Amino acid sequence: MILAEHLYASSDILAERLAWNTAKTLIDAIAERGEARLLVSGGSTPKKFFAALSQQSLAWERVTIGLVDDRCVESFDPNSNAKLVGENLLVGDAFAATFQPLFDPELGVEKSAEWANGSAERADVVVLGLGGDGHTASLFPGSPQLEQGLSANAPAVLAAEPTMEPMVTRLTYSGPFLATSPHVFLHFEGAGKRGVYEEARSKDAPSLMPVSWFLHHPECPVETYWAP
């Protein structure tokens, strides 16, 4: 369910506004419960957002940051979302936050998924990305795990095989788990992604465009953030 659409003139402005709104939500959660949880996505799009968020003033030592999904690779691998977060978000004052990875190379895929499922807690904020094929998290059209990942009885975390490069097994939070967050921010940029979003918004067809599952889910509070 789309609650609001935020459109900005540039990616720099978007990054600042998304960072401010994310920080405000985390601050409110800390005030209410003494802690806050944030799940973020990988890719090149969120780098400016990560940089802006790391500069926000809040009690970072009370924040736990995790990943919406990650590739099952070593943490130093260029394809690792954990590496991306470590280099772009967990810097400066934000270094005090607790980082909770999805994949542990020493445990392997199956054991990492079991551990992640056992430690999964609802996030105060989820920041999703959008792929050119309509995927979000590691919920890909045509993936053998897509139906399970969007089903009502889906586990919090599951292993998934992508349908685009790099063809590396991933761990991903499921749609139903991510939808439990009270704040789901969908961040995407560029005219191409705008077209993908408009198509997904116009028709509820998660098997073709998994992001549409979130946009049409009656209990998933989505706010979109877009810049040209």
C-alpha atoms as a PDB file:
ATOM      1  CA  MET A   1       0.000   0.000   0.000  1.00  0.00           C
ATOM      2  CA  ILE A   2       1.508   3.304  -1.098  1.00  0.00           C
ATOM      3  CA  LEU A   3       1.172   5.894   1.663  1.00  0.00           C
ATOM      4  CA  ALA A   4       3.183   8.681   0.041  1.00  0.00           C
ATOM      5  CA  GLU A   5       5.332   9.430  -2.996  1.00  0.00           C
ATOM      6  CA  HIS A   6       8.322  11.729  -2.512  1.00  0.00           C
ATOM      7  CA  LEU A   7       9.831  13.222  -5.669  1.00  0.00           C
ATOM      8  CA  TYR A   8      13.036  15.281  -5.609  1.00  0.00           C
ATOM      9  CA  ALA A   9      14.956  17.298  -8.152  1.00  0.00           C
ATOM     10  CA  SER A  10      18.262  15.507  -7.583  1.00  0.00           C
ATOM     11  CA  SER A  11      19.749  12.429  -5.964  1.00  0.00           C
ATOM     12  CA  ASP A  12      21.610  14.666  -3.499  1.00  0.00           C
ATOM     13  CA  ILE A  13      18.392  16.204  -2.204  1.00  0.00           C
ATOM     14  CA  LEU A  14      16.727  12.801  -2.095  1.00  0.00           C
ATOM     15  CA  ALA A  15      19.601  11.344  -0.072  1.00  0.00           C
ATOM     16  CA  GLU A  16      19.377  14.141   2.494  1.00  0.00           C
ATOM     17  CA  ARG A  17      15.598  13.893   2.885  1.00  0.00           C
ATOM     18  CA  LEU A  18      15.563  10.104   3.057  1.00  0.00           C
ATOM     19  CA  ALA A  19      18.384  10.193   5.608  1.00  0.00           C
ATOM     20  CA  TRP A  20      16.542  12.768   7.710  1.00  0.00           C
ATOM     21  CA  ASN A  21      13.270  10.830   7.658  1.00  0.00           C
ATOM     22  CA  THR A  22      15.044   7.570   8.458  1.00  0.00           C
ATOM     23  CA  ALA A  23      16.944   9.154  11.339  1.00  0.00           C
ATOM     24  CA  LYS A  24      13.781  10.727  12.738  1.00  0.00           C
ATOM     25  CA  THR A  25      12.036   7.361  12.740  1.00  0.00           C
ATOM     26  CA  LEU A  26      15.005   5.726  14.476  1.00  0.00           C
ATOM     27  CA  ILE A  27      15.100   8.516  17.073  1.00  0.00           C
ATOM     28  CA  ASP A  28      11.397   8.019  17.770  1.00  0.00           C
ATOM     29  CA  ALA A  29      11.927   4.273  18.200  1.00  0.00           C
ATOM     30  CA  ILE A  30      14.824   4.843  20.597  1.00  0.00           C
ATOM     31  CA  ALA A  31      12.684   7.245  22.625  1.00  0.00           C
ATOM     32  CA  GLU A  32       9.910   4.645  22.812  1.00  0.00           C
ATOM     33  CA  ARG A  33      11.865   1.409  23.357  1.00  0.00           C
ATOM     34  CA  GLY A  34      15.463   2.406  24.023  1.00  0.00           C
ATOM     35  CA  GLU A  35      16.660   0.874  20.742  1.00  0.00           C
ATOM     36  CA  ALA A  36      15.988   0.898  17.003  1.00  0.00           C
ATOM     37  CA  ARG A  37      16.435  -1.493  14.075  1.00  0.00           C
ATOM     38  CA  LEU A  38      17.126  -0.592  10.447  1.00  0.00           C
ATOM     39  CA  LEU A  39      17.313  -2.817   7.365  1.00  0.00           C
ATOM     40  CA  VAL A  40      18.944  -1.412   4.220  1.00  0.00           C
ATOM     41  CA  SER A  41      19.514  -2.567   0.653  1.00  0.00           C
ATOM     42  CA  GLY A  42      22.642  -2.835  -1.458  1.00  0.00           C
ATOM     43  CA  GLY A  43      23.585  -1.709  -4.944  1.00  0.00           C
ATOM     44  CA  SER A  44      25.036   1.592  -6.113  1.00  0.00           C
ATOM     45  CA  THR A  45      21.894   3.695  -5.600  1.00  0.00           C
ATOM     46  CA  PRO A  46      22.013   4.011  -1.784  1.00  0.00           C
ATOM     47  CA  LYS A  47      25.623   5.220  -1.447  1.00  0.00           C
ATOM     48  CA  LYS A  48      24.678   8.902  -1.150  1.00  0.00           C
ATOM     49  CA  PHE A  49      21.872   8.015   1.232  1.00  0.00           C
ATOM     50  CA  PHE A  50      24.281   5.994   3.388  1.00  0.00           C
ATOM     51  CA  ALA A  51      26.728   8.903   3.519  1.00  0.00           C
ATOM     52  CA  ALA A  52      23.976  11.340   4.496  1.00  0.00           C
ATOM     53  CA  LEU A  53      22.519   8.980   7.092  1.00  0.00           C
ATOM     54  CA  SER A  54      25.912   8.378   8.724  1.00  0.00           C
ATOM     55  CA  GLN A  55      26.093  12.100   9.463  1.00  0.00           C
ATOM     56  CA  GLN A  56      22.745  12.255  11.266  1.00  0.00           C
ATOM     57  CA  SER A  57      22.873  12.993  14.976  1.00  0.00           C
ATOM     58  CA  LEU A  58      21.328  10.178  16.993  1.00  0.00           C
ATOM     59  CA  ALA A  59      22.262   7.553  19.577  1.00  0.00           C
ATOM     60  CA  TRP A  60      23.931   5.213  17.101  1.00  0.00           C
ATOM     61  CA  GLU A  61      25.032   2.873  19.875  1.00  0.00           C
ATOM     62  CA  ARG A  62      21.339   1.991  20.302  1.00  0.00           C
ATOM     63  CA  VAL A  63      20.811   1.188  16.613  1.00  0.00           C
ATOM     64  CA  THR A  64      21.105  -2.233  14.990  1.00  0.00           C
ATOM     65  CA  ILE A  65      21.624  -2.180  11.221  1.00  0.00           C
ATOM     66  CA  GLY A  66      21.010  -5.189   9.017  1.00  0.00           C
ATOM     67  CA  LEU A  67      20.621  -5.999   5.351  1.00  0.00           C
ATOM     68  CA  VAL A  68      17.413  -6.645   3.437  1.00  0.00           C
ATOM     69  CA  ASP A  69      19.425  -9.190   1.438  1.00  0.00           C
ATOM     70  CA  ASP A  70      22.995 -10.134   0.658  1.00  0.00           C
ATOM     71  CA  ARG A  71      25.019 -12.347  -1.629  1.00  0.00           C
ATOM     72  CA  CYS A  72      26.607 -15.390  -0.044  1.00  0.00           C
ATOM     73  CA  VAL A  73      30.194 -14.258  -0.516  1.00  0.00           C
ATOM     74  CA  GLU A  74      33.077 -13.257   1.730  1.00  0.00           C
ATOM     75  CA  SER A  75      32.659  -9.861   3.423  1.00  0.00           C
ATOM     76  CA  PHE A  76      35.613  -8.466   1.437  1.00  0.00           C
ATOM     77  CA  ASP A  77      34.104  -9.503  -1.914  1.00  0.00           C
ATOM     78  CA  PRO A  78      33.129  -6.499  -4.107  1.00  0.00           C
ATOM     79  CA  ASN A  79      29.652  -8.047  -4.492  1.00  0.00           C
ATOM     80  CA  SER A  80      29.045  -8.112  -0.738  1.00  0.00           C
ATOM     81  CA  ASN A  81      26.339  -5.768   0.546  1.00  0.00           C
ATOM     82  CA  ALA A  82      27.947  -6.053   3.971  1.00  0.00           C
ATOM     83  CA  LYS A  83      31.109  -4.526   2.500  1.00  0.00           C
ATOM     84  CA  LEU A  84      29.065  -1.728   0.931  1.00  0.00           C
ATOM     85  CA  VAL A  85      27.415  -0.873   4.245  1.00  0.00           C
ATOM     86  CA  GLY A  86      30.678  -1.063   6.145  1.00  0.00           C
ATOM     87  CA  GLU A  87      32.407   1.368   3.804  1.00  0.00           C
ATOM     88  CA  ASN A  88      29.568   3.844   3.293  1.00  0.00           C
ATOM     89  CA  LEU A  89      27.254   3.773   6.319  1.00  0.00           C
ATOM     90  CA  LEU A  90      29.174   2.433   9.304  1.00  0.00           C
ATOM     91  CA  VAL A  91      31.538   5.411   9.354  1.00  0.00           C
ATOM     92  CA  GLY A  92      31.975   8.387  11.660  1.00  0.00           C
ATOM     93  CA  ASP A  93      29.499   8.403  14.535  1.00  0.00           C
ATOM     94  CA  ALA A  94      27.471   5.665  12.835  1.00  0.00           C
ATOM     95  CA  PHE A  95      30.374   3.283  13.440  1.00  0.00           C
ATOM     96  CA  ALA A  96      28.915   2.884  16.946  1.00  0.00           C
ATOM     97  CA  ALA A  97      25.866   1.080  15.534  1.00  0.00           C
ATOM     98  CA  THR A  98      25.645  -2.702  15.772  1.00  0.00           C
ATOM     99  CA  PHE A  99      25.838  -4.394  12.385  1.00  0.00           C
ATOM    100  CA  GLN A 100      23.989  -7.688  11.972  1.00  0.00           C
ATOM    101  CA  PRO A 101      25.023  -9.479   8.757  1.00  0.00           C
ATOM    102  CA  LEU A 102      22.856 -12.065   7.031  1.00  0.00           C
ATOM    103  CA  PHE A 103      25.577 -14.341   5.729  1.00  0.00           C
ATOM    104  CA  ASP A 104      28.460 -15.836   7.691  1.00  0.00           C
ATOM    105  CA  PRO A 105      31.020 -17.576   5.438  1.00  0.00           C
ATOM    106  CA  GLU A 106      32.049 -19.848   8.309  1.00  0.00           C
ATOM    107  CA  LEU A 107      28.473 -21.093   8.754  1.00  0.00           C
ATOM    108  CA  GLY A 108      27.593 -21.426   5.083  1.00  0.00           C
ATOM    109  CA  VAL A 109      24.262 -20.733   3.420  1.00  0.00           C
ATOM    110  CA  GLU A 110      21.971 -23.126   5.297  1.00  0.00           C
ATOM    111  CA  LYS A 111      23.290 -22.449   8.794  1.00  0.00           C
ATOM    112  CA  SER A 112      23.412 -18.686   8.144  1.00  0.00           C
ATOM    113  CA  ALA A 113      19.744 -18.789   7.136  1.00  0.00           C
ATOM    114  CA  GLU A 114      18.869 -20.727  10.293  1.00  0.00           C
ATOM    115  CA  TRP A 115      20.744 -18.246  12.468  1.00  0.00           C
ATOM    116  CA  ALA A 116      19.163 -15.247  10.727  1.00  0.00           C
ATOM    117  CA  ASN A 117      15.701 -16.725  11.153  1.00  0.00           C
ATOM    118  CA  GLY A 118      16.297 -17.310  14.837  1.00  0.00           C
ATOM    119  CA  SER A 119      17.479 -13.740  15.429  1.00  0.00           C
ATOM    120  CA  ALA A 120      15.006 -11.927  13.151  1.00  0.00           C
ATOM    121  CA  GLU A 121      13.196  -9.000  14.771  1.00  0.00           C
ATOM    122  CA  ARG A 122      10.840  -6.496  13.210  1.00  0.00           C
ATOM    123  CA  ALA A 123      12.674  -3.467  11.820  1.00  0.00           C
ATOM    124  CA  ASP A 124      11.555   0.059  12.598  1.00  0.00           C
ATOM    125  CA  VAL A 125      12.606   1.098   9.095  1.00  0.00           C
ATOM    126  CA  VAL A 126      13.128  -0.966   5.950  1.00  0.00           C
ATOM    127  CA  VAL A 127      14.744   0.695   2.934  1.00  0.00           C
ATOM    128  CA  LEU A 128      14.108  -1.287  -0.248  1.00  0.00           C
ATOM    129  CA  GLY A 129      15.686  -0.861  -3.652  1.00  0.00           C
ATOM    130  CA  LEU A 130      14.256  -1.553  -7.089  1.00  0.00           C
ATOM    131  CA  GLY A 131      15.786  -3.554  -9.915  1.00  0.00           C
ATOM    132  CA  GLY A 132      15.236  -2.946 -13.594  1.00  0.00           C
ATOM    133  CA  ASP A 133      13.391  -6.268 -13.782  1.00  0.00           C
ATOM    134  CA  GLY A 134      11.016  -5.310 -10.979  1.00  0.00           C
ATOM    135  CA  HIS A 135      12.787  -7.243  -8.217  1.00  0.00           C
ATOM    136  CA  THR A 136      13.295  -5.931  -4.715  1.00  0.00           C
ATOM    137  CA  ALA A 137      15.310  -7.512  -1.920  1.00  0.00           C
ATOM    138  CA  SER A 138      16.388 -10.820  -3.540  1.00  0.00           C
ATOM    139  CA  LEU A 139      12.871 -11.609  -4.685  1.00  0.00           C
ATOM    140  CA  PHE A 140      13.384 -12.072  -8.423  1.00  0.00           C
ATOM    141  CA  PRO A 141      10.829 -12.731 -11.172  1.00  0.00           C
ATOM    142  CA  GLY A 142      11.318 -16.264 -12.401  1.00  0.00           C
ATOM    143  CA  SER A 143      13.221 -17.350  -9.295  1.00  0.00           C
ATOM    144  CA  PRO A 144      12.281 -20.805  -7.961  1.00  0.00           C
ATOM    145  CA  GLN A 145      12.052 -19.270  -4.480  1.00  0.00           C
ATOM    146  CA  LEU A 146       9.819 -16.304  -5.374  1.00  0.00           C
ATOM    147  CA  GLU A 147       6.512 -17.969  -4.510  1.00  0.00           C
ATOM    148  CA  GLN A 148       7.824 -19.103  -1.145  1.00  0.00           C
ATOM    149  CA  GLY A 149       9.373 -15.708  -0.432  1.00  0.00           C
ATOM    150  CA  LEU A 150       6.018 -13.974  -0.867  1.00  0.00           C
ATOM    151  CA  SER A 151       3.775 -16.632   0.687  1.00  0.00           C
ATOM    152  CA  ALA A 152       1.895 -16.037   3.935  1.00  0.00           C
ATOM    153  CA  ASN A 153       3.842 -18.809   5.701  1.00  0.00           C
ATOM    154  CA  ALA A 154       7.248 -17.717   4.428  1.00  0.00           C
ATOM    155  CA  PRO A 155      10.167 -17.865   6.860  1.00  0.00           C
ATOM    156  CA  ALA A 156      11.692 -14.553   7.862  1.00  0.00           C
ATOM    157  CA  VAL A 157      14.850 -15.373   5.873  1.00  0.00           C
ATOM    158  CA  LEU A 158      15.365 -17.731   2.959  1.00  0.00           C
ATOM    159  CA  ALA A 159      18.050 -18.594   0.432  1.00  0.00           C
ATOM    160  CA  ALA A 160      17.240 -17.473  -3.106  1.00  0.00           C
ATOM    161  CA  GLU A 161      18.752 -17.932  -6.522  1.00  0.00           C
ATOM    162  CA  PRO A 162      18.894 -14.759  -8.654  1.00  0.00           C
ATOM    163  CA  THR A 163      17.864 -14.577 -12.287  1.00  0.00           C
ATOM    164  CA  MET A 164      20.411 -11.885 -13.144  1.00  0.00           C
ATOM    165  CA  GLU A 165      24.149 -11.381 -12.718  1.00  0.00           C
ATOM    166  CA  PRO A 166      25.983 -12.015 -10.536  1.00  0.00           C
ATOM    167  CA  MET A 167      24.542 -15.519 -10.313  1.00  0.00           C
ATOM    168  CA  VAL A 168      25.388 -16.018  -6.660  1.00  0.00           C
ATOM    169  CA  THR A 169      23.094 -17.548  -4.044  1.00  0.00           C
ATOM    170  CA  ARG A 170      21.619 -14.910  -1.760  1.00  0.00           C
ATOM    171  CA  LEU A 171      19.951 -14.701   1.605  1.00  0.00           C
ATOM    172  CA  THR A 172      16.927 -12.443   1.712  1.00  0.00           C
ATOM    173  CA  TYR A 173      14.197 -11.428   4.087  1.00  0.00           C
ATOM    174  CA  SER A 174      10.794 -12.509   2.840  1.00  0.00           C
ATOM    175  CA  GLY A 175       8.012 -10.186   1.753  1.00  0.00           C
ATOM    176  CA  PRO A 176       5.733 -10.917   4.732  1.00  0.00           C
ATOM    177  CA  PHE A 177       8.560 -10.270   7.204  1.00  0.00           C
ATOM    178  CA  LEU A 178       9.595  -6.980   5.599  1.00  0.00           C
ATOM    179  CA  ALA A 179       5.948  -5.888   5.476  1.00  0.00           C
ATOM    180  CA  THR A 180       5.747  -6.018   9.287  1.00  0.00           C
ATOM    181  CA  SER A 181       7.865  -2.873   9.505  1.00  0.00           C
ATOM    182  CA  PRO A 182       5.848   0.288  10.215  1.00  0.00           C
ATOM    183  CA  HIS A 183       8.023   2.221   7.757  1.00  0.00           C
ATOM    184  CA  VAL A 184       8.961   0.771   4.358  1.00  0.00           C
ATOM    185  CA  PHE A 185      10.833   3.225   2.135  1.00  0.00           C
ATOM    186  CA  LEU A 186      11.277   2.308  -1.550  1.00  0.00           C
ATOM    187  CA  HIS A 187      14.296   4.171  -2.940  1.00  0.00           C
ATOM    188  CA  PHE A 188      14.947   4.278  -6.687  1.00  0.00           C
ATOM    189  CA  GLU A 189      16.328   6.774  -9.184  1.00  0.00           C
ATOM    190  CA  GLY A 190      16.358   7.492 -12.915  1.00  0.00           C
ATOM    191  CA  ALA A 191      13.791   7.484 -15.704  1.00  0.00           C
ATOM    192  CA  GLY A 192      14.180   3.763 -16.354  1.00  0.00           C
ATOM    193  CA  LYS A 193      13.395   2.780 -12.781  1.00  0.00           C
ATOM    194  CA  ARG A 194      10.499   5.233 -12.777  1.00  0.00           C
ATOM    195  CA  GLY A 195       8.987   3.346 -15.678  1.00  0.00           C
ATOM    196  CA  VAL A 196       9.409   0.040 -13.844  1.00  0.00           C
ATOM    197  CA  TYR A 197       7.765   1.514 -10.753  1.00  0.00           C
ATOM    198  CA  GLU A 198       4.815   2.941 -12.699  1.00  0.00           C
ATOM    199  CA  GLU A 199       4.187  -0.440 -14.315  1.00  0.00           C
ATOM    200  CA  ALA A 200       4.344  -2.219 -10.964  1.00  0.00           C
ATOM    201  CA  ARG A 201       2.048   0.354  -9.410  1.00  0.00           C
ATOM    202  CA  SER A 202      -0.518  -0.052 -12.185  1.00  0.00           C
ATOM    203  CA  LYS A 203      -0.950  -3.807 -11.869  1.00  0.00           C
ATOM    204  CA  ASP A 204      -0.646  -6.296  -9.055  1.00  0.00           C
ATOM    205  CA  ALA A 205       1.494  -8.969 -10.703  1.00  0.00           C
ATOM    206  CA  PRO A 206       4.199 -10.091  -8.232  1.00  0.00           C
ATOM    207  CA  SER A 207       5.201 -13.106 -10.330  1.00  0.00           C
ATOM    208  CA  LEU A 208       6.277 -10.699 -13.077  1.00  0.00           C
ATOM    209  CA  MET A 209       7.316  -7.726 -10.910  1.00  0.00           C
ATOM    210  CA  PRO A 210       7.845  -8.763  -7.294  1.00  0.00           C
ATOM    211  CA  VAL A 211       7.945  -5.152  -6.074  1.00  0.00           C
ATOM    212  CA  SER A 212       4.251  -4.913  -6.933  1.00  0.00           C
ATOM    213  CA  TRP A 213       3.543  -7.285  -4.016  1.00  0.00           C
ATOM    214  CA  PHE A 214       4.689  -4.538  -1.635  1.00  0.00           C
ATOM    215  CA  LEU A 215       2.947  -1.718  -3.503  1.00  0.00           C
ATOM    216  CA  HIS A 216      -0.413  -3.497  -3.429  1.00  0.00           C
ATOM    217  CA  HIS A 217      -0.206  -5.212  -0.046  1.00  0.00           C
ATOM    218  CA  PRO A 218      -2.937  -3.668   2.161  1.00  0.00           C
ATOM    219  CA  GLU A 219      -0.819  -3.840   5.329  1.00  0.00           C
ATOM    220  CA  CYS A 220       2.590  -2.826   3.960  1.00  0.00           C
ATOM    221  CA  PRO A 221       3.117   0.935   4.507  1.00  0.00           C
ATOM    222  CA  VAL A 222       5.251   1.981   1.511  1.00  0.00           C
ATOM    223  CA  GLU A 223       6.650   5.456   0.928  1.00  0.00           C
ATOM    224  CA  THR A 224       8.528   5.969  -2.332  1.00  0.00           C
ATOM    225  CA  TYR A 225      11.593   8.173  -2.822  1.00  0.00           C
ATOM    226  CA  TRP A 226      12.583   9.039  -6.383  1.00  0.00           C
ATOM    227  CA  ALA A 227      14.828  11.480  -8.221  1.00  0.00           C
ATOM    228  CA  PRO A 228      15.594  11.687 -11.977  1.00  0.00           C
END
